[in-house]
């Protein structure tokens, strides 16, 4: 086989196989970059929402603790009254 025919076969192979493969890989890379960069705005919104929810959970914990303490105090008063100790 002559060198010209080898070069011709390799060029044909490159045009038929390599060029579309590179185009597919580049398109995939662009889509992945768009996904990664597009998610950052959404991630910051989610982080803000999580922060707000954490603050709200802490407030609710405080309210529940206050309610439990009030119920315990009331229960203790009722027990004392039931035993005849009026304070």
Protein backbone atom coordinates (compact mmCIF):
# COMPACT_ATOMS: atom_id res chain seq x y z
CA UNK A 1 0.00 0.00 0.00
CA UNK A 2 1.25 3.40 -0.83
CA UNK A 3 1.50 6.24 1.66
CA UNK A 4 -1.11 8.29 -0.19
CA UNK A 5 -3.72 5.57 0.19
CA UNK A 6 -2.92 5.18 3.93
CA UNK A 7 -3.31 8.92 4.41
CA UNK A 8 -6.57 8.80 2.48
CA UNK A 9 -7.96 5.97 4.64
CA UNK A 10 -6.94 7.73 7.87
CA UNK A 11 -8.46 11.01 6.67
CA UNK A 12 -11.71 9.25 5.78
CA UNK A 13 -11.75 7.50 9.16
CA UNK A 14 -11.15 10.81 10.91
CA UNK A 15 -13.96 12.54 9.07
CA UNK A 16 -16.43 9.71 9.58
CA UNK A 17 -15.66 8.72 13.18
CA UNK A 18 -13.48 11.20 15.03
CA UNK A 19 -15.15 14.50 14.07
CA UNK A 20 -18.70 13.41 15.14
CA UNK A 21 -17.30 11.87 18.32
CA UNK A 22 -15.54 15.11 19.25
CA UNK A 23 -18.72 17.07 18.46
CA UNK A 24 -20.76 14.79 20.76
CA UNK A 25 -18.22 15.13 23.57
CA UNK A 26 -18.14 18.93 23.26
CA UNK A 27 -21.94 19.15 23.30
CA UNK A 28 -22.01 16.98 26.42
CA UNK A 29 -19.38 19.16 28.08
CA UNK A 30 -21.41 22.30 27.34
CA UNK A 31 -24.59 20.74 28.79
CA UNK A 32 -22.79 19.67 31.95
CA UNK A 33 -21.26 23.12 32.41
CA UNK A 34 -24.71 24.70 31.99
CA UNK A 35 -26.14 22.33 34.60
CA UNK A 36 -23.38 23.03 37.08
CA UNK A 37 -23.44 26.80 36.66
CA UNK A 38 -27.24 26.95 36.50
CA UNK A 39 -27.59 25.06 39.79
CA UNK A 40 -25.53 27.58 41.75
CA UNK A 41 -28.32 30.14 41.78
CA UNK A 42 -30.75 27.49 42.92
CA UNK A 43 -28.29 26.23 45.53
CA UNK A 44 -28.01 29.68 47.11
CA UNK A 45 -31.82 29.91 47.27
CA UNK A 46 -31.96 26.51 48.92
CA UNK A 47 -29.26 27.52 51.42
CA UNK A 48 -31.24 30.64 52.35
CA UNK A 49 -34.39 28.58 52.80
CA UNK A 50 -32.55 26.05 54.97
CA UNK A 51 -31.19 28.89 57.13
CA UNK A 52 -34.70 30.32 57.60
CA UNK A 53 -36.05 26.88 58.49
CA UNK A 54 -33.30 26.33 61.04
CA UNK A 55 -34.15 29.64 62.73
CA UNK A 56 -37.83 28.71 62.75
CA UNK A 57 -37.08 25.29 64.25
CA UNK A 58 -35.05 26.91 67.03
CA UNK A 59 -37.93 29.30 67.78
CA UNK A 60 -40.37 26.40 67.89
CA UNK A 61 -38.09 24.45 70.22
CA UNK A 62 -38.04 27.42 72.56
CA UNK A 63 -41.83 27.64 72.50
CA UNK A 64 -42.20 23.93 73.18
CA UNK A 65 -39.76 24.15 76.08
CA UNK A 66 -41.70 27.08 77.57
CA UNK A 67 -44.97 25.16 77.22
CA UNK A 68 -43.52 22.04 78.85
CA UNK A 69 -42.24 24.10 81.78
CA UNK A 70 -45.64 25.79 82.20
CA UNK A 71 -47.43 22.44 82.12
CA UNK A 72 -45.02 21.01 84.70
CA UNK A 73 -45.55 24.03 86.96
CA UNK A 74 -49.31 23.72 86.62
CA UNK A 75 -49.18 19.99 87.32
CA UNK A 76 -47.08 20.62 90.44
CA UNK A 77 -49.62 23.21 91.67
CA UNK A 78 -52.50 20.83 91.07
CA UNK A 79 -50.69 18.07 92.97
CA UNK A 80 -50.01 20.42 95.89
CA UNK A 81 -53.65 21.52 95.97
CA UNK A 82 -54.78 17.92 95.87
CA UNK A 83 -52.57 17.16 98.87
CA UNK A 84 -53.97 20.08 100.81
CA UNK A 85 -50.90 22.33 100.56
CA UNK A 86 -52.21 25.68 99.38
CA UNK A 87 -49.52 28.17 98.37
